[in-house]
């Protein structure tokens, strides 16, 4: 967005979301049209569609029809998914099993998002803003993992970005560490993973973040407007617990 220029699309809220989806559908349709109209350039004749149909037990000529082959460049297609799977398995075969499973989720309360929202907007009203900031932070996480070695030296990695039901982008990493940095005993895992409150006096900022983001509540009678309590008399997740 150019500063000082009013763009009505960015104020559309759910209509903006619909606009983004419709625009991507147009792009995907254009890609499919290109693939359909350029089967010879894609060398689709090498895939032996007729022979495959006969081997599958289809004997009626009118039921076989003309086959359109999706190339590996079509994102989300079966060949693309298989290629990505085979690439990941090749890494495991060469470098060994993954050592660390890492998850990163977009936080709609990030200052970078909240500071750019227009008055009255929430993060879900600006999917363009959310995805761009998530992408920037994802690249920074990759830099810290691969270049700064914050978890140790990474030998190989794969990751996938998905969208949660609430629309927030979400990344899953699999890290294969170099031999010296592999986790082989409980003590090494304890140094990396913690399920306890950080020391409040020694790490006040970390303690504040864990309490804010990693704890459920307050809810129930203490906070009737909490999403898990709205329209109920108690928490749907049965908090607080003993």
C-alpha atoms as a PDB file:
ATOM      1  CA  UNK A   1       0.000   0.000   0.000  1.00  0.00           C
ATOM      2  CA  UNK A   2       1.269   3.463  -0.901  1.00  0.00           C
ATOM      3  CA  UNK A   3       1.184   5.910   2.055  1.00  0.00           C
ATOM      4  CA  UNK A   4      -1.379   8.674   1.755  1.00  0.00           C
ATOM      5  CA  UNK A   5      -3.424   6.912  -0.955  1.00  0.00           C
ATOM      6  CA  UNK A   6      -6.911   5.689  -0.019  1.00  0.00           C
ATOM      7  CA  UNK A   7      -7.552   2.101  -1.130  1.00  0.00           C
ATOM      8  CA  UNK A   8     -11.189   1.038  -0.590  1.00  0.00           C
ATOM      9  CA  UNK A   9     -10.313  -2.671  -0.976  1.00  0.00           C
ATOM     10  CA  UNK A  10      -8.366  -2.619   2.305  1.00  0.00           C
ATOM     11  CA  UNK A  11     -11.475  -1.422   4.167  1.00  0.00           C
ATOM     12  CA  UNK A  12     -13.736  -4.210   2.852  1.00  0.00           C
ATOM     13  CA  UNK A  13     -13.300  -6.630   5.798  1.00  0.00           C
ATOM     14  CA  UNK A  14     -14.975  -9.905   4.697  1.00  0.00           C
ATOM     15  CA  UNK A  15     -15.431  -8.573   1.177  1.00  0.00           C
ATOM     16  CA  UNK A  16     -11.663  -8.090   1.063  1.00  0.00           C
ATOM     17  CA  UNK A  17     -11.191 -11.729   2.050  1.00  0.00           C
ATOM     18  CA  UNK A  18     -13.592 -12.767  -0.726  1.00  0.00           C
ATOM     19  CA  UNK A  19     -11.698 -10.553  -3.179  1.00  0.00           C
ATOM     20  CA  UNK A  20      -8.398 -12.250  -2.277  1.00  0.00           C
ATOM     21  CA  UNK A  21      -9.894 -15.741  -2.736  1.00  0.00           C
ATOM     22  CA  UNK A  22     -11.533 -14.819  -6.064  1.00  0.00           C
ATOM     23  CA  UNK A  23      -8.290 -13.301  -7.346  1.00  0.00           C
ATOM     24  CA  UNK A  24      -6.318 -16.433  -6.504  1.00  0.00           C
ATOM     25  CA  UNK A  25      -8.965 -18.616  -8.190  1.00  0.00           C
ATOM     26  CA  UNK A  26      -8.492 -16.536 -11.364  1.00  0.00           C
ATOM     27  CA  UNK A  27      -4.715 -17.054 -11.180  1.00  0.00           C
ATOM     28  CA  UNK A  28      -5.132 -20.802 -10.658  1.00  0.00           C
ATOM     29  CA  UNK A  29      -7.648 -21.035 -13.515  1.00  0.00           C
ATOM     30  CA  UNK A  30      -5.178 -19.239 -15.784  1.00  0.00           C
ATOM     31  CA  UNK A  31      -2.460 -21.748 -14.856  1.00  0.00           C
ATOM     32  CA  UNK A  32      -4.805 -24.678 -15.550  1.00  0.00           C
ATOM     33  CA  UNK A  33      -5.751 -23.188 -18.934  1.00  0.00           C
ATOM     34  CA  UNK A  34      -2.077 -22.881 -19.831  1.00  0.00           C
ATOM     35  CA  UNK A  35      -1.415 -26.507 -18.880  1.00  0.00           C
ATOM     36  CA  UNK A  36      -4.488 -27.705 -20.777  1.00  0.00           C
ATOM     37  CA  UNK A  37      -3.514 -25.807 -23.932  1.00  0.00           C
ATOM     38  CA  UNK A  38       0.168 -26.747 -23.843  1.00  0.00           C
ATOM     39  CA  UNK A  39       0.115 -30.490 -23.316  1.00  0.00           C
ATOM     40  CA  UNK A  40       2.545 -31.095 -26.187  1.00  0.00           C
ATOM     41  CA  UNK A  41       5.134 -28.710 -24.739  1.00  0.00           C
ATOM     42  CA  UNK A  42       4.720 -30.473 -21.372  1.00  0.00           C
ATOM     43  CA  UNK A  43       5.300 -33.799 -23.160  1.00  0.00           C
ATOM     44  CA  UNK A  44       2.124 -35.269 -21.711  1.00  0.00           C
ATOM     45  CA  UNK A  45       2.209 -38.030 -24.331  1.00  0.00           C
ATOM     46  CA  UNK A  46       4.970 -39.698 -22.310  1.00  0.00           C
ATOM     47  CA  UNK A  47       2.551 -40.481 -19.473  1.00  0.00           C
ATOM     48  CA  UNK A  48       0.749 -43.271 -21.397  1.00  0.00           C
ATOM     49  CA  UNK A  49      -2.808 -42.343 -20.345  1.00  0.00           C
ATOM     50  CA  UNK A  50      -4.476 -44.904 -22.604  1.00  0.00           C
ATOM     51  CA  UNK A  51      -2.312 -47.790 -21.383  1.00  0.00           C
ATOM     52  CA  UNK A  52      -2.869 -46.756 -17.741  1.00  0.00           C
ATOM     53  CA  UNK A  53      -6.652 -46.764 -18.317  1.00  0.00           C
ATOM     54  CA  UNK A  54      -6.557 -50.250 -19.851  1.00  0.00           C
ATOM     55  CA  UNK A  55      -4.451 -51.565 -16.985  1.00  0.00           C
ATOM     56  CA  UNK A  56      -7.019 -50.128 -14.572  1.00  0.00           C
ATOM     57  CA  UNK A  57      -9.681 -52.334 -16.197  1.00  0.00           C
ATOM     58  CA  UNK A  58     -11.415 -49.721 -18.364  1.00  0.00           C
ATOM     59  CA  UNK A  59     -12.441 -51.326 -21.677  1.00  0.00           C
ATOM     60  CA  UNK A  60     -14.932 -48.746 -23.038  1.00  0.00           C
ATOM     61  CA  UNK A  61     -13.258 -46.321 -25.439  1.00  0.00           C
ATOM     62  CA  UNK A  62     -15.825 -43.561 -24.830  1.00  0.00           C
ATOM     63  CA  UNK A  63     -15.119 -43.660 -21.077  1.00  0.00           C
ATOM     64  CA  UNK A  64     -11.401 -43.075 -21.465  1.00  0.00           C
ATOM     65  CA  UNK A  65     -11.627 -39.627 -23.056  1.00  0.00           C
ATOM     66  CA  UNK A  66      -8.838 -37.117 -23.460  1.00  0.00           C
ATOM     67  CA  UNK A  67      -6.459 -36.942 -20.551  1.00  0.00           C
ATOM     68  CA  UNK A  68      -4.965 -33.677 -19.275  1.00  0.00           C
ATOM     69  CA  UNK A  69      -1.757 -34.131 -17.302  1.00  0.00           C
ATOM     70  CA  UNK A  70      -0.879 -31.686 -14.513  1.00  0.00           C
ATOM     71  CA  UNK A  71       2.843 -30.978 -14.419  1.00  0.00           C
ATOM     72  CA  UNK A  72       4.902 -30.783 -11.218  1.00  0.00           C
ATOM     73  CA  UNK A  73       4.883 -26.979 -11.512  1.00  0.00           C
ATOM     74  CA  UNK A  74       1.152 -26.832 -10.667  1.00  0.00           C
ATOM     75  CA  UNK A  75       1.164 -26.116  -6.923  1.00  0.00           C
ATOM     76  CA  UNK A  76      -1.036 -28.533  -4.972  1.00  0.00           C
ATOM     77  CA  UNK A  77      -1.360 -31.021  -7.805  1.00  0.00           C
ATOM     78  CA  UNK A  78      -0.692 -34.740  -7.230  1.00  0.00           C
ATOM     79  CA  UNK A  79       2.665 -34.654  -9.043  1.00  0.00           C
ATOM     80  CA  UNK A  80       3.756 -31.568  -7.105  1.00  0.00           C
ATOM     81  CA  UNK A  81       2.839 -33.200  -3.775  1.00  0.00           C
ATOM     82  CA  UNK A  82       4.601 -36.426  -4.707  1.00  0.00           C
ATOM     83  CA  UNK A  83       7.723 -34.522  -5.790  1.00  0.00           C
ATOM     84  CA  UNK A  84       7.860 -32.649  -2.479  1.00  0.00           C
ATOM     85  CA  UNK A  85       7.338 -35.880  -0.551  1.00  0.00           C
ATOM     86  CA  UNK A  86      10.120 -37.629  -2.465  1.00  0.00           C
ATOM     87  CA  UNK A  87      12.469 -34.675  -1.897  1.00  0.00           C
ATOM     88  CA  UNK A  88      11.800 -34.825   1.854  1.00  0.00           C
ATOM     89  CA  UNK A  89      12.334 -38.601   1.945  1.00  0.00           C
ATOM     90  CA  UNK A  90      15.607 -38.181   0.027  1.00  0.00           C
ATOM     91  CA  UNK A  91      16.857 -35.836   2.761  1.00  0.00           C
ATOM     92  CA  UNK A  92      15.908 -38.342   5.465  1.00  0.00           C
ATOM     93  CA  UNK A  93      17.600 -41.133   3.538  1.00  0.00           C
ATOM     94  CA  UNK A  94      20.844 -39.158   3.205  1.00  0.00           C
ATOM     95  CA  UNK A  95      21.025 -37.302   6.533  1.00  0.00           C
ATOM     96  CA  UNK A  96      18.976 -39.459   8.922  1.00  0.00           C
ATOM     97  CA  UNK A  97      15.765 -38.955  10.848  1.00  0.00           C
ATOM     98  CA  UNK A  98      14.629 -35.468  11.943  1.00  0.00           C
ATOM     99  CA  UNK A  99      15.663 -34.399  15.439  1.00  0.00           C
ATOM    100  CA  UNK A 100      13.429 -31.377  16.101  1.00  0.00           C
ATOM    101  CA  UNK A 101       9.812 -30.638  15.196  1.00  0.00           C
ATOM    102  CA  UNK A 102       9.290 -26.877  15.403  1.00  0.00           C
ATOM    103  CA  UNK A 103       6.041 -24.932  15.040  1.00  0.00           C
ATOM    104  CA  UNK A 104       5.561 -21.215  14.421  1.00  0.00           C
ATOM    105  CA  UNK A 105       2.120 -19.578  14.438  1.00  0.00           C
ATOM    106  CA  UNK A 106       1.206 -16.028  13.486  1.00  0.00           C
ATOM    107  CA  UNK A 107       0.143 -13.900  16.459  1.00  0.00           C
ATOM    108  CA  UNK A 108      -2.519 -11.292  15.555  1.00  0.00           C
ATOM    109  CA  UNK A 109      -1.323  -9.208  18.535  1.00  0.00           C
ATOM    110  CA  UNK A 110       2.144  -8.641  17.063  1.00  0.00           C
ATOM    111  CA  UNK A 111       2.984  -4.926  17.250  1.00  0.00           C
ATOM    112  CA  UNK A 112       3.871  -4.919  13.534  1.00  0.00           C
ATOM    113  CA  UNK A 113       0.296  -5.966  12.721  1.00  0.00           C
ATOM    114  CA  UNK A 114      -1.580  -3.840  15.251  1.00  0.00           C
ATOM    115  CA  UNK A 115       0.318  -0.665  14.370  1.00  0.00           C
ATOM    116  CA  UNK A 116      -0.698  -0.925  10.678  1.00  0.00           C
ATOM    117  CA  UNK A 117      -4.406  -1.639  11.175  1.00  0.00           C
ATOM    118  CA  UNK A 118      -6.889   1.104  10.368  1.00  0.00           C
ATOM    119  CA  UNK A 119      -9.267   2.322  13.141  1.00  0.00           C
ATOM    120  CA  UNK A 120     -11.883  -0.320  13.936  1.00  0.00           C
ATOM    121  CA  UNK A 121     -10.060  -3.119  12.098  1.00  0.00           C
ATOM    122  CA  UNK A 122      -8.929  -6.459  13.473  1.00  0.00           C
ATOM    123  CA  UNK A 123      -6.193  -8.719  12.119  1.00  0.00           C
ATOM    124  CA  UNK A 124      -8.692 -10.914  10.246  1.00  0.00           C
ATOM    125  CA  UNK A 125      -9.778  -7.874   8.220  1.00  0.00           C
ATOM    126  CA  UNK A 126      -6.284  -7.564   6.698  1.00  0.00           C
ATOM    127  CA  UNK A 127      -5.072 -10.960   5.403  1.00  0.00           C
ATOM    128  CA  UNK A 128      -2.533  -9.131   3.196  1.00  0.00           C
ATOM    129  CA  UNK A 129      -0.911  -7.522   6.232  1.00  0.00           C
ATOM    130  CA  UNK A 130      -0.962 -10.702   8.323  1.00  0.00           C
ATOM    131  CA  UNK A 131       0.662 -12.878   5.658  1.00  0.00           C
ATOM    132  CA  UNK A 132       3.374 -10.340   4.763  1.00  0.00           C
ATOM    133  CA  UNK A 133       4.423  -9.846   8.383  1.00  0.00           C
ATOM    134  CA  UNK A 134       4.300 -13.588   9.049  1.00  0.00           C
ATOM    135  CA  UNK A 135       6.499 -14.153   6.003  1.00  0.00           C
ATOM    136  CA  UNK A 136       9.043 -11.591   7.253  1.00  0.00           C
ATOM    137  CA  UNK A 137       9.164 -13.180  10.703  1.00  0.00           C
ATOM    138  CA  UNK A 138       9.377 -16.668   9.182  1.00  0.00           C
ATOM    139  CA  UNK A 139      12.431 -15.608   7.164  1.00  0.00           C
ATOM    140  CA  UNK A 140      13.972 -14.171  10.334  1.00  0.00           C
ATOM    141  CA  UNK A 141      13.340 -17.456  12.174  1.00  0.00           C
ATOM    142  CA  UNK A 142      14.996 -19.367   9.331  1.00  0.00           C
ATOM    143  CA  UNK A 143      18.001 -17.024   9.501  1.00  0.00           C
ATOM    144  CA  UNK A 144      18.364 -17.591  13.233  1.00  0.00           C
ATOM    145  CA  UNK A 145      18.001 -21.355  12.882  1.00  0.00           C
ATOM    146  CA  UNK A 146      20.326 -21.830   9.900  1.00  0.00           C
ATOM    147  CA  UNK A 147      22.817 -18.949  10.214  1.00  0.00           C
ATOM    148  CA  UNK A 148      22.820 -18.078  13.918  1.00  0.00           C
ATOM    149  CA  UNK A 149      22.520 -21.737  15.032  1.00  0.00           C
ATOM    150  CA  UNK A 150      20.254 -20.914  17.981  1.00  0.00           C
ATOM    151  CA  UNK A 151      19.366 -24.625  18.382  1.00  0.00           C
ATOM    152  CA  UNK A 152      22.688 -25.955  17.097  1.00  0.00           C
ATOM    153  CA  UNK A 153      24.020 -26.481  13.595  1.00  0.00           C
ATOM    154  CA  UNK A 154      21.298 -27.668  11.200  1.00  0.00           C
ATOM    155  CA  UNK A 155      22.342 -30.132   8.524  1.00  0.00           C
ATOM    156  CA  UNK A 156      19.069 -30.205   6.610  1.00  0.00           C
ATOM    157  CA  UNK A 157      15.480 -29.042   7.024  1.00  0.00           C
ATOM    158  CA  UNK A 158      12.031 -29.019   5.448  1.00  0.00           C
ATOM    159  CA  UNK A 159       9.015 -26.906   6.329  1.00  0.00           C
ATOM    160  CA  UNK A 160       5.429 -26.324   5.217  1.00  0.00           C
ATOM    161  CA  UNK A 161       3.153 -23.305   5.718  1.00  0.00           C
ATOM    162  CA  UNK A 162      -0.545 -23.949   6.361  1.00  0.00           C
ATOM    163  CA  UNK A 163      -3.504 -21.818   7.397  1.00  0.00           C
ATOM    164  CA  UNK A 164      -5.458 -22.543  10.561  1.00  0.00           C
ATOM    165  CA  UNK A 165      -9.258 -22.513  10.643  1.00  0.00           C
ATOM    166  CA  UNK A 166      -9.173 -18.991  12.057  1.00  0.00           C
ATOM    167  CA  UNK A 167      -7.116 -17.886   9.050  1.00  0.00           C
ATOM    168  CA  UNK A 168      -3.709 -17.409  10.659  1.00  0.00           C
ATOM    169  CA  UNK A 169      -0.639 -18.777   8.834  1.00  0.00           C
ATOM    170  CA  UNK A 170       1.179 -21.577  10.605  1.00  0.00           C
ATOM    171  CA  UNK A 171       4.565 -23.179   9.813  1.00  0.00           C
ATOM    172  CA  UNK A 172       5.880 -26.663  10.670  1.00  0.00           C
ATOM    173  CA  UNK A 173       9.629 -27.325  10.547  1.00  0.00           C
ATOM    174  CA  UNK A 174      11.528 -30.610  10.631  1.00  0.00           C
ATOM    175  CA  UNK A 175      15.200 -30.079  11.484  1.00  0.00           C
ATOM    176  CA  UNK A 176      17.932 -32.658  10.969  1.00  0.00           C
ATOM    177  CA  UNK A 177      20.892 -31.614  13.113  1.00  0.00           C
ATOM    178  CA  UNK A 178      24.586 -32.266  12.533  1.00  0.00           C
ATOM    179  CA  UNK A 179      25.922 -35.244  14.441  1.00  0.00           C
ATOM    180  CA  UNK A 180      27.502 -33.155  17.230  1.00  0.00           C
ATOM    181  CA  UNK A 181      24.179 -31.391  17.944  1.00  0.00           C
ATOM    182  CA  UNK A 182      21.781 -34.354  17.841  1.00  0.00           C
ATOM    183  CA  UNK A 183      19.609 -34.903  20.926  1.00  0.00           C
ATOM    184  CA  UNK A 184      20.496 -38.281  22.381  1.00  0.00           C
ATOM    185  CA  UNK A 185      19.609 -38.154  26.095  1.00  0.00           C
ATOM    186  CA  UNK A 186      16.939 -36.636  28.402  1.00  0.00           C
ATOM    187  CA  UNK A 187      19.351 -33.997  29.724  1.00  0.00           C
ATOM    188  CA  UNK A 188      19.838 -32.584  26.222  1.00  0.00           C
ATOM    189  CA  UNK A 189      16.085 -32.416  25.674  1.00  0.00           C
ATOM    190  CA  UNK A 190      15.639 -30.658  29.025  1.00  0.00           C
ATOM    191  CA  UNK A 191      18.083 -27.958  27.936  1.00  0.00           C
ATOM    192  CA  UNK A 192      16.014 -27.312  24.811  1.00  0.00           C
ATOM    193  CA  UNK A 193      12.398 -27.878  25.900  1.00  0.00           C
ATOM    194  CA  UNK A 194      10.701 -26.606  29.051  1.00  0.00           C
ATOM    195  CA  UNK A 195       7.160 -27.076  30.372  1.00  0.00           C
ATOM    196  CA  UNK A 196       7.717 -24.941  33.486  1.00  0.00           C
ATOM    197  CA  UNK A 197       7.338 -21.280  34.350  1.00  0.00           C
ATOM    198  CA  UNK A 198      10.604 -19.370  33.848  1.00  0.00           C
ATOM    199  CA  UNK A 199      12.104 -17.777  36.937  1.00  0.00           C
ATOM    200  CA  UNK A 200      10.081 -14.561  37.430  1.00  0.00           C
ATOM    201  CA  UNK A 201      13.017 -12.613  38.895  1.00  0.00           C
ATOM    202  CA  UNK A 202      15.702 -13.900  36.548  1.00  0.00           C
ATOM    203  CA  UNK A 203      13.670 -13.799  33.291  1.00  0.00           C
ATOM    204  CA  UNK A 204      10.807 -11.298  33.832  1.00  0.00           C
ATOM    205  CA  UNK A 205      10.087 -10.765  30.105  1.00  0.00           C
ATOM    206  CA  UNK A 206      10.073 -14.493  29.349  1.00  0.00           C
ATOM    207  CA  UNK A 207       7.842 -15.149  32.362  1.00  0.00           C
ATOM    208  CA  UNK A 208       5.394 -12.483  31.173  1.00  0.00           C
ATOM    209  CA  UNK A 209       5.274 -14.009  27.654  1.00  0.00           C
ATOM    210  CA  UNK A 210       4.658 -17.546  28.925  1.00  0.00           C
ATOM    211  CA  UNK A 211       1.849 -16.418  31.265  1.00  0.00           C
ATOM    212  CA  UNK A 212       0.235 -14.370  28.491  1.00  0.00           C
ATOM    213  CA  UNK A 213       0.484 -16.796  25.574  1.00  0.00           C
ATOM    214  CA  UNK A 214       0.832 -20.293  27.036  1.00  0.00           C
ATOM    215  CA  UNK A 215      -1.846 -20.285  29.756  1.00  0.00           C
ATOM    216  CA  UNK A 216      -5.610 -20.708  29.400  1.00  0.00           C
ATOM    217  CA  UNK A 217      -7.862 -18.048  30.880  1.00  0.00           C
ATOM    218  CA  UNK A 218      -9.008 -16.360  32.947  1.00  0.00           C
ATOM    219  CA  UNK A 219     -12.398 -17.684  31.884  1.00  0.00           C
ATOM    220  CA  UNK A 220     -15.702 -18.865  33.350  1.00  0.00           C
ATOM    221  CA  UNK A 221     -17.287 -16.519  35.920  1.00  0.00           C
ATOM    222  CA  UNK A 222     -14.029 -14.505  36.047  1.00  0.00           C
ATOM    223  CA  UNK A 223     -14.311 -13.573  32.356  1.00  0.00           C
ATOM    224  CA  UNK A 224     -17.724 -14.305  30.745  1.00  0.00           C
ATOM    225  CA  UNK A 225     -16.548 -12.751  27.433  1.00  0.00           C
ATOM    226  CA  UNK A 226     -13.732 -15.279  26.978  1.00  0.00           C
ATOM    227  CA  UNK A 227     -14.313 -17.268  23.726  1.00  0.00           C
ATOM    228  CA  UNK A 228     -14.462 -20.571  25.623  1.00  0.00           C
ATOM    229  CA  UNK A 229     -17.204 -19.215  27.954  1.00  0.00           C
ATOM    230  CA  UNK A 230     -19.295 -17.029  25.651  1.00  0.00           C
ATOM    231  CA  UNK A 231     -22.922 -18.170  25.770  1.00  0.00           C
ATOM    232  CA  UNK A 232     -22.127 -20.672  28.542  1.00  0.00           C
ATOM    233  CA  UNK A 233     -22.016 -20.686  32.313  1.00  0.00           C
ATOM    234  CA  UNK A 234     -18.581 -22.333  32.468  1.00  0.00           C
ATOM    235  CA  UNK A 235     -15.510 -23.002  30.316  1.00  0.00           C
ATOM    236  CA  UNK A 236     -16.088 -25.515  27.493  1.00  0.00           C
ATOM    237  CA  UNK A 237     -12.563 -26.877  28.167  1.00  0.00           C
ATOM    238  CA  UNK A 238     -13.413 -27.448  31.852  1.00  0.00           C
ATOM    239  CA  UNK A 239     -11.010 -24.847  33.263  1.00  0.00           C
ATOM    240  CA  UNK A 240      -9.999 -24.020  35.931  1.00  0.00           C
ATOM    241  CA  UNK A 241      -8.784 -27.443  36.953  1.00  0.00           C
ATOM    242  CA  UNK A 242      -7.122 -28.730  40.055  1.00  0.00           C
END
